[in-house]
Each structure stands twice: as C-alpha cells, then as structure tokens.
C-alpha cells in the first residue's frame, strides 16, 4: 500500500506529537503527589489512579511510536521511489 506524501507527513507529525504529549503527561503524573504516595515518603503502593493513567499513557505512547514509524517508512519509501521514477522517464 502506498501513502501520499501528505498522509506520510501527517502520520509522522502525529507520531512526534503523540510521543511528546504522553511523555509530558507521564512526567506530570509521576511528579503528582496524589497518585504516587510512595515517592513522597509513604511506603504504600501507588493508587489505582496512577496505574490507570500510567497504562493509558504507555499505550498511547506505543501507538504514537507505531504511527510515527509508519509515516517515516512511507516518507523514506516515497523518497527512494522518486529517483527510480525520474530514471524511467529519462
């Protein structure tokens, strides 16, 4: 399946945006004292709030990496295909 350059750039940009957003979210989640009591001196376990949101962030981060990877591969494929088409036209 071939993707247009526009679609490839969109997927790549979406992947970068998604990674940035979810890494930032996870850093903020980790720094938050409510969901992660054991970091702040309390030896109790992390709360359900922390685990649910950490799972959400990790899943979204993985999906963002996959989408970005697909976009990058499509861009590289289009770039490699362009010289071949120019050679055939000449």
Protein backbone atom coordinates (compact mmCIF):
# COMPACT_ATOMS: atom_id res chain seq x y z
CA UNK A 1 0.00 0.00 0.00
CA UNK A 2 1.30 3.44 -0.88
CA UNK A 3 0.65 6.55 1.12
CA UNK A 4 0.69 10.05 -0.27
CA UNK A 5 3.38 12.43 0.91
CA UNK A 6 0.74 14.44 2.73
CA UNK A 7 -0.53 11.36 4.59
CA UNK A 8 3.04 10.30 5.37
CA UNK A 9 3.90 13.69 6.81
CA UNK A 10 0.65 13.71 8.81
CA UNK A 11 1.40 10.30 10.34
CA UNK A 12 4.96 11.31 11.15
CA UNK A 13 3.85 14.59 12.74
CA UNK A 14 1.11 12.81 14.68
CA UNK A 15 3.62 10.29 15.99
CA UNK A 16 6.01 13.02 17.16
CA UNK A 17 3.16 14.99 18.75
CA UNK A 18 1.80 11.90 20.48
CA UNK A 19 5.18 10.93 21.92
CA UNK A 20 5.76 14.48 23.19
CA UNK A 21 2.30 14.77 24.75
CA UNK A 22 2.34 11.40 26.51
CA UNK A 23 5.91 11.69 27.80
CA UNK A 24 4.97 15.10 29.24
CA UNK A 25 1.80 13.62 30.73
CA UNK A 26 3.71 10.76 32.34
CA UNK A 27 6.31 13.16 33.82
CA UNK A 28 3.48 15.21 35.32
CA UNK A 29 1.77 12.07 36.60
CA UNK A 30 4.98 10.93 38.26
CA UNK A 31 5.54 14.34 39.86
CA UNK A 32 1.96 14.46 41.18
CA UNK A 33 1.83 13.54 44.86
CA UNK A 34 -1.72 12.21 44.96
CA UNK A 35 -1.40 9.18 42.72
CA UNK A 36 2.12 8.21 43.73
CA UNK A 37 2.26 8.38 47.50
CA UNK A 38 5.26 6.06 47.87
CA UNK A 39 7.61 8.57 46.19
CA UNK A 40 6.91 11.16 48.86
CA UNK A 41 7.89 9.08 51.86
CA UNK A 42 4.76 7.00 52.31
CA UNK A 43 5.61 3.33 51.79
CA UNK A 44 2.18 2.44 50.48
CA UNK A 45 1.65 1.27 46.96
CA UNK A 46 0.67 3.51 44.02
CA UNK A 47 -3.04 4.27 43.75
CA UNK A 48 -5.42 2.94 41.13
CA UNK A 49 -5.50 6.43 39.64
CA UNK A 50 -1.77 6.20 38.97
CA UNK A 51 -1.92 2.72 37.41
CA UNK A 52 -4.87 3.54 35.15
CA UNK A 53 -3.29 6.74 33.87
CA UNK A 54 0.17 5.20 33.53
CA UNK A 55 -1.35 2.39 31.44
CA UNK A 56 -3.21 4.93 29.31
CA UNK A 57 -0.02 6.95 28.78
CA UNK A 58 2.09 3.89 27.94
CA UNK A 59 -0.47 2.50 25.50
CA UNK A 60 -0.85 5.85 23.76
CA UNK A 61 2.91 6.31 23.66
CA UNK A 62 3.38 2.92 22.00
CA UNK A 63 0.64 3.66 19.45
CA UNK A 64 2.20 7.06 18.73
CA UNK A 65 5.59 5.44 18.07
CA UNK A 66 4.00 2.90 15.73
CA UNK A 67 2.07 5.57 13.79
CA UNK A 68 5.18 7.74 13.52
CA UNK A 69 7.23 4.76 12.35
CA UNK A 70 4.68 4.02 9.61
CA UNK A 71 4.82 7.66 8.50
CA UNK A 72 8.63 7.67 8.41
CA UNK A 73 8.76 4.42 6.43
CA UNK A 74 6.26 5.83 3.94
CA UNK A 75 8.34 9.01 3.57
CA UNK A 76 11.53 7.00 3.03
CA UNK A 77 9.76 4.78 0.53
CA UNK A 78 8.48 7.79 -1.42
CA UNK A 79 11.95 9.36 -1.39
CA UNK A 80 13.57 6.15 -2.67
CA UNK A 81 10.88 5.74 -5.30
CA UNK A 82 11.29 9.27 -6.69
CA UNK A 83 14.79 8.78 -8.27
CA UNK A 84 13.64 5.48 -9.79
CA UNK A 85 10.69 7.22 -11.48
CA UNK A 86 12.96 10.00 -12.77
CA UNK A 87 15.35 7.43 -14.23
CA UNK A 88 12.49 5.67 -16.05
CA UNK A 89 11.25 8.95 -17.52
CA UNK A 90 14.67 9.86 -18.93
